[in-house]
C-alpha cells in the first residue's frame, strides 16, 4: 500500500461527510468544507501516486488542519458530538501517519 491510498480514502470520506452534513442538516458550510478537503486530499493522493513533489506536504497539511478543526469543534461540546470527534480522530491519525512518512524522507526528528 502506497502513501496515496490513505489520502484517496480521506478524499472520499470528506466528500461523503460534506454531502451528509448538507443533506441531513442543510449545512452549506459542511458541503463546501467537505468538498474542499476532498479535492485537497484527492490532489495529494494523485501527487503521491505520481511520486511528484508536494504530495506528502499537502496530505500532511490537510490532515493537520482537519485535526485542528476537529479539536476546535470538540472542545466546546466536551467531545460529546460525533462529527467533531471523527474530524479530530481522522485528522490526528492521518497527521501522525504523514508526519512519520515525512520524517522517513527528511529526518526532521
N, C-alpha and C. Protein backbone atom coordinates (compact mmCIF):
# COMPACT_ATOMS: atom_id res chain seq x y z
N UNK A 1 0.85 -1.18 0.00
CA UNK A 1 0.00 0.00 0.00
C UNK A 1 0.89 1.24 0.00
N UNK A 2 0.64 2.12 -0.94
CA UNK A 2 1.41 3.35 -1.03
C UNK A 2 0.82 4.45 -0.17
N UNK A 3 1.53 5.54 -0.13
CA UNK A 3 1.07 6.69 0.67
C UNK A 3 -0.15 7.35 0.05
N UNK A 4 -0.45 7.04 -1.21
CA UNK A 4 -1.59 7.65 -1.87
C UNK A 4 -2.92 7.07 -1.35
N UNK A 5 -2.91 5.82 -0.92
CA UNK A 5 -4.16 5.17 -0.50
C UNK A 5 -4.87 5.90 0.65
N UNK A 6 -4.18 6.24 1.75
CA UNK A 6 -4.87 6.97 2.82
C UNK A 6 -5.41 8.32 2.35
N UNK A 7 -4.67 9.03 1.52
CA UNK A 7 -5.13 10.33 1.04
C UNK A 7 -6.38 10.17 0.18
N UNK A 8 -6.39 9.18 -0.68
CA UNK A 8 -7.56 8.97 -1.54
C UNK A 8 -8.77 8.50 -0.72
N UNK A 9 -8.52 7.69 0.30
CA UNK A 9 -9.60 7.26 1.19
C UNK A 9 -10.18 8.46 1.93
N UNK A 10 -9.30 9.31 2.45
CA UNK A 10 -9.76 10.52 3.15
C UNK A 10 -10.49 11.46 2.21
N UNK A 11 -10.10 11.49 0.95
CA UNK A 11 -10.80 12.29 -0.04
C UNK A 11 -12.26 11.85 -0.15
N UNK A 12 -12.45 10.55 -0.25
CA UNK A 12 -13.81 10.01 -0.33
C UNK A 12 -14.61 10.25 0.94
N UNK A 13 -13.97 10.04 2.09
CA UNK A 13 -14.66 10.25 3.37
C UNK A 13 -15.07 11.71 3.56
N UNK A 14 -14.21 12.63 3.18
CA UNK A 14 -14.54 14.05 3.32
C UNK A 14 -15.69 14.44 2.41
N UNK A 15 -15.68 13.92 1.18
CA UNK A 15 -16.78 14.22 0.26
C UNK A 15 -18.11 13.69 0.81
N UNK A 16 -18.10 12.44 1.27
CA UNK A 16 -19.32 11.84 1.83
C UNK A 16 -19.77 12.61 3.06
N UNK A 17 -18.84 12.97 3.94
CA UNK A 17 -19.18 13.72 5.14
C UNK A 17 -19.78 15.07 4.83
N UNK A 18 -19.21 15.78 3.88
CA UNK A 18 -19.75 17.08 3.50
C UNK A 18 -21.14 16.98 2.90
N UNK A 19 -21.33 15.98 2.06
CA UNK A 19 -22.65 15.77 1.44
C UNK A 19 -23.67 15.36 2.50
N UNK A 20 -23.27 14.51 3.43
CA UNK A 20 -24.19 14.11 4.51
C UNK A 20 -24.58 15.30 5.38
N UNK A 21 -23.60 16.15 5.71
CA UNK A 21 -23.90 17.34 6.51
C UNK A 21 -24.88 18.25 5.82
N UNK A 22 -24.76 18.34 4.51
CA UNK A 22 -25.67 19.19 3.75
C UNK A 22 -27.07 18.57 3.64
N UNK A 23 -27.13 17.26 3.36
CA UNK A 23 -28.44 16.64 3.18
C UNK A 23 -29.20 16.48 4.49
N UNK A 24 -28.48 16.19 5.58
CA UNK A 24 -29.15 15.97 6.87
C UNK A 24 -29.49 17.27 7.60
N UNK A 25 -28.58 18.23 7.56
CA UNK A 25 -28.77 19.45 8.34
C UNK A 25 -28.91 20.71 7.48
N UNK A 26 -28.78 20.55 6.16
CA UNK A 26 -28.84 21.71 5.28
C UNK A 26 -27.64 22.63 5.45
N UNK A 27 -26.52 22.08 5.91
CA UNK A 27 -25.33 22.87 6.19
C UNK A 27 -24.49 23.06 4.93
N UNK A 28 -24.62 24.23 4.32
CA UNK A 28 -23.82 24.56 3.15
C UNK A 28 -22.32 24.63 3.50
N UNK A 29 -21.94 25.19 4.67
CA UNK A 29 -20.52 25.18 5.03
C UNK A 29 -19.94 23.77 5.12
N UNK A 30 -20.73 22.80 5.60
CA UNK A 30 -20.25 21.42 5.64
C UNK A 30 -19.99 20.88 4.24
N UNK A 31 -20.89 21.21 3.33
CA UNK A 31 -20.72 20.77 1.95
C UNK A 31 -19.45 21.36 1.34
N UNK A 32 -19.27 22.67 1.52
CA UNK A 32 -18.10 23.34 0.95
C UNK A 32 -16.81 22.81 1.57
N UNK A 33 -16.79 22.68 2.89
CA UNK A 33 -15.59 22.19 3.57
C UNK A 33 -15.30 20.75 3.16
N UNK A 34 -16.32 19.90 3.15
CA UNK A 34 -16.12 18.51 2.78
C UNK A 34 -15.59 18.36 1.37
N UNK A 35 -16.16 19.10 0.43
CA UNK A 35 -15.70 19.00 -0.96
C UNK A 35 -14.32 19.63 -1.14
N UNK A 36 -14.04 20.68 -0.38
CA UNK A 36 -12.71 21.31 -0.46
C UNK A 36 -11.65 20.35 0.05
N UNK A 37 -11.88 19.77 1.22
CA UNK A 37 -10.92 18.80 1.75
C UNK A 37 -10.82 17.58 0.85
N UNK A 38 -11.93 17.17 0.26
CA UNK A 38 -11.91 16.06 -0.67
C UNK A 38 -10.99 16.36 -1.85
N UNK A 39 -11.10 17.56 -2.38
CA UNK A 39 -10.26 17.96 -3.51
C UNK A 39 -8.79 18.03 -3.10
N UNK A 40 -8.52 18.55 -1.91
CA UNK A 40 -7.13 18.65 -1.44
C UNK A 40 -6.53 17.26 -1.25
N UNK A 41 -7.26 16.39 -0.56
CA UNK A 41 -6.75 15.03 -0.37
C UNK A 41 -6.64 14.28 -1.70
N UNK A 42 -7.59 14.50 -2.59
CA UNK A 42 -7.52 13.86 -3.91
C UNK A 42 -6.30 14.31 -4.67
N UNK A 43 -6.00 15.59 -4.62
CA UNK A 43 -4.80 16.12 -5.28
C UNK A 43 -3.55 15.54 -4.64
N UNK A 44 -3.52 15.50 -3.31
CA UNK A 44 -2.37 14.92 -2.61
C UNK A 44 -2.19 13.45 -3.00
N UNK A 45 -3.27 12.70 -3.04
CA UNK A 45 -3.20 11.29 -3.43
C UNK A 45 -2.67 11.12 -4.84
N UNK A 46 -3.14 11.96 -5.74
CA UNK A 46 -2.66 11.91 -7.12
C UNK A 46 -1.16 12.20 -7.18
N UNK A 47 -0.73 13.27 -6.50
CA UNK A 47 0.68 13.63 -6.49
C UNK A 47 1.53 12.52 -5.87
N UNK A 48 1.04 11.92 -4.80
CA UNK A 48 1.77 10.82 -4.17
C UNK A 48 1.87 9.62 -5.10
N UNK A 49 0.80 9.32 -5.80
CA UNK A 49 0.81 8.18 -6.73
C UNK A 49 1.79 8.42 -7.87
N UNK A 50 1.89 9.68 -8.30
CA UNK A 50 2.81 10.04 -9.39
C UNK A 50 4.24 10.24 -8.89
N UNK A 51 4.44 10.15 -7.59
CA UNK A 51 5.73 10.41 -6.96
C UNK A 51 6.20 11.84 -7.28
N UNK A 52 5.24 12.75 -7.32
CA UNK A 52 5.52 14.15 -7.64
C UNK A 52 5.78 14.94 -6.37
N UNK A 53 6.35 16.11 -6.55
CA UNK A 53 6.64 16.99 -5.42
C UNK A 53 5.35 17.46 -4.75
N UNK A 54 5.44 17.69 -3.46
CA UNK A 54 4.43 18.34 -2.62
C UNK A 54 3.22 17.48 -2.26
N UNK A 55 3.14 16.25 -2.71
CA UNK A 55 2.01 15.41 -2.34
C UNK A 55 2.00 15.10 -0.85
N UNK A 56 3.16 14.75 -0.33
CA UNK A 56 3.28 14.43 1.09
C UNK A 56 2.99 15.65 1.96
N UNK A 57 3.54 16.79 1.57
CA UNK A 57 3.30 18.02 2.33
C UNK A 57 1.83 18.44 2.29
N UNK A 58 1.20 18.27 1.14
CA UNK A 58 -0.21 18.62 1.01
C UNK A 58 -1.08 17.72 1.89
N UNK A 59 -0.80 16.43 1.90
CA UNK A 59 -1.56 15.49 2.74
C UNK A 59 -1.33 15.79 4.22
N UNK A 60 -0.09 16.09 4.59
CA UNK A 60 0.21 16.42 5.98
C UNK A 60 -0.47 17.72 6.39
N UNK A 61 -0.45 18.71 5.53
CA UNK A 61 -1.11 19.98 5.84
C UNK A 61 -2.61 19.83 6.00
N UNK A 62 -3.24 19.11 5.08
CA UNK A 62 -4.69 18.89 5.16
C UNK A 62 -5.05 18.13 6.43
N UNK A 63 -4.24 17.13 6.77
CA UNK A 63 -4.50 16.34 7.97
C UNK A 63 -4.36 17.17 9.24
N UNK A 64 -3.38 18.05 9.25
CA UNK A 64 -3.16 18.92 10.41
C UNK A 64 -4.33 19.88 10.58
N UNK A 65 -4.81 20.44 9.48
CA UNK A 65 -5.96 21.35 9.55
C UNK A 65 -7.21 20.59 9.98
N UNK A 66 -7.40 19.38 9.46
CA UNK A 66 -8.55 18.57 9.85
C UNK A 66 -8.51 18.26 11.35
N UNK A 67 -7.32 17.92 11.85
CA UNK A 67 -7.14 17.66 13.28
C UNK A 67 -7.46 18.90 14.11
N UNK A 68 -6.93 20.04 13.72
CA UNK A 68 -7.16 21.28 14.46
C UNK A 68 -8.63 21.69 14.41
N UNK A 69 -9.26 21.50 13.29
CA UNK A 69 -10.69 21.81 13.16
C UNK A 69 -11.52 20.92 14.07
N UNK A 70 -11.22 19.64 14.06
CA UNK A 70 -11.93 18.71 14.93
C UNK A 70 -11.74 19.06 16.39
N UNK A 71 -10.52 19.40 16.77
CA UNK A 71 -10.23 19.79 18.15
C UNK A 71 -10.99 21.06 18.53
N UNK A 72 -10.96 22.04 17.66
CA UNK A 72 -11.65 23.31 17.94
C UNK A 72 -13.16 23.12 18.06
N UNK A 73 -13.71 22.18 17.32
CA UNK A 73 -15.15 21.92 17.41
C UNK A 73 -15.52 20.99 18.56
N UNK A 74 -14.58 20.12 18.97
CA UNK A 74 -14.87 19.13 20.02
C UNK A 74 -14.76 19.72 21.42
N UNK A 75 -13.84 20.63 21.63
CA UNK A 75 -13.64 21.19 22.97
C UNK A 75 -14.91 21.86 23.52
N UNK A 76 -15.57 22.74 22.77
CA UNK A 76 -16.75 23.41 23.33
C UNK A 76 -17.90 22.46 23.70
N UNK A 77 -17.96 21.29 23.06
CA UNK A 77 -19.04 20.33 23.36
C UNK A 77 -18.53 19.17 24.20
N UNK A 78 -17.35 19.36 24.81
CA UNK A 78 -16.74 18.35 25.68
C UNK A 78 -16.60 16.98 25.02
N UNK A 79 -16.28 16.98 23.74
CA UNK A 79 -16.06 15.75 22.98
C UNK A 79 -17.28 14.82 23.02
N UNK A 80 -18.48 15.40 23.05
CA UNK A 80 -19.69 14.59 23.15
C UNK A 80 -20.48 14.50 21.85
N UNK A 81 -20.00 15.13 20.77
CA UNK A 81 -20.70 15.05 19.49
C UNK A 81 -19.85 14.25 18.51
N UNK A 82 -20.49 13.43 17.71
CA UNK A 82 -19.72 12.52 16.85
C UNK A 82 -18.91 13.19 15.74
N UNK A 83 -19.47 14.20 15.10
CA UNK A 83 -18.77 14.79 13.96
C UNK A 83 -17.44 15.42 14.37
N UNK A 84 -17.39 16.28 15.39
CA UNK A 84 -16.08 16.81 15.78
C UNK A 84 -15.10 15.72 16.20
N UNK A 85 -15.60 14.68 16.85
CA UNK A 85 -14.72 13.59 17.26
C UNK A 85 -14.14 12.84 16.06
N UNK A 86 -14.97 12.63 15.04
CA UNK A 86 -14.49 11.96 13.83
C UNK A 86 -13.43 12.80 13.15
N UNK A 87 -13.68 14.11 13.04
CA UNK A 87 -12.68 15.01 12.43
C UNK A 87 -11.38 14.99 13.23
N UNK A 88 -11.51 15.04 14.54
CA UNK A 88 -10.36 15.03 15.44
C UNK A 88 -9.55 13.75 15.29
N UNK A 89 -10.21 12.61 15.30
CA UNK A 89 -9.52 11.32 15.22
C UNK A 89 -8.92 11.10 13.83
N UNK A 90 -9.72 11.31 12.78
CA UNK A 90 -9.19 11.11 11.43
C UNK A 90 -8.04 12.06 11.14
N UNK A 91 -8.18 13.32 11.54
CA UNK A 91 -7.10 14.28 11.34
C UNK A 91 -5.86 13.91 12.13
N UNK A 92 -6.05 13.48 13.37
CA UNK A 92 -4.91 13.10 14.20
C UNK A 92 -4.17 11.88 13.69
N UNK A 93 -4.93 10.86 13.33
CA UNK A 93 -4.31 9.62 12.83
C UNK A 93 -3.60 9.89 11.50
N UNK A 94 -4.27 10.60 10.59
CA UNK A 94 -3.65 10.85 9.29
C UNK A 94 -2.46 11.81 9.42
N UNK A 95 -2.55 12.80 10.30
CA UNK A 95 -1.41 13.71 10.52
C UNK A 95 -0.23 12.93 11.08
N UNK A 96 -0.48 12.03 12.02
CA UNK A 96 0.58 11.19 12.56
C UNK A 96 1.22 10.32 11.50
N UNK A 97 0.39 9.73 10.66
CA UNK A 97 0.88 8.87 9.57
C UNK A 97 1.77 9.67 8.62
N UNK A 98 1.25 10.80 8.15
CA UNK A 98 2.01 11.58 7.17
C UNK A 98 3.22 12.28 7.80
N UNK A 99 3.16 12.59 9.08
CA UNK A 99 4.33 13.14 9.76
C UNK A 99 5.43 12.08 9.85
N UNK A 100 5.05 10.84 10.13
CA UNK A 100 6.04 9.76 10.16
C UNK A 100 6.66 9.56 8.78
N UNK A 101 5.83 9.57 7.75
CA UNK A 101 6.35 9.40 6.39
C UNK A 101 7.26 10.56 6.01
N UNK A 102 6.87 11.76 6.40
CA UNK A 102 7.70 12.94 6.13
C UNK A 102 9.04 12.79 6.83
N UNK A 103 9.01 12.34 8.08
CA UNK A 103 10.26 12.13 8.83
C UNK A 103 11.10 11.03 8.20
N UNK A 104 10.46 9.99 7.67
CA UNK A 104 11.21 8.93 7.00
C UNK A 104 12.00 9.47 5.80
N UNK A 105 11.45 10.45 5.11
CA UNK A 105 12.12 11.01 3.94
C UNK A 105 13.12 12.11 4.29
N UNK A 106 12.78 12.95 5.27
CA UNK A 106 13.57 14.15 5.53
C UNK A 106 14.27 14.17 6.88
N UNK A 107 14.06 13.17 7.71
CA UNK A 107 14.71 13.04 9.03
C UNK A 107 14.70 14.35 9.82
N UNK A 108 13.52 14.80 10.18
CA UNK A 108 13.40 16.03 10.96
C UNK A 108 13.48 15.77 12.46
N UNK A 109 13.24 14.54 12.88
CA UNK A 109 13.29 14.20 14.31
C UNK A 109 14.46 13.29 14.59
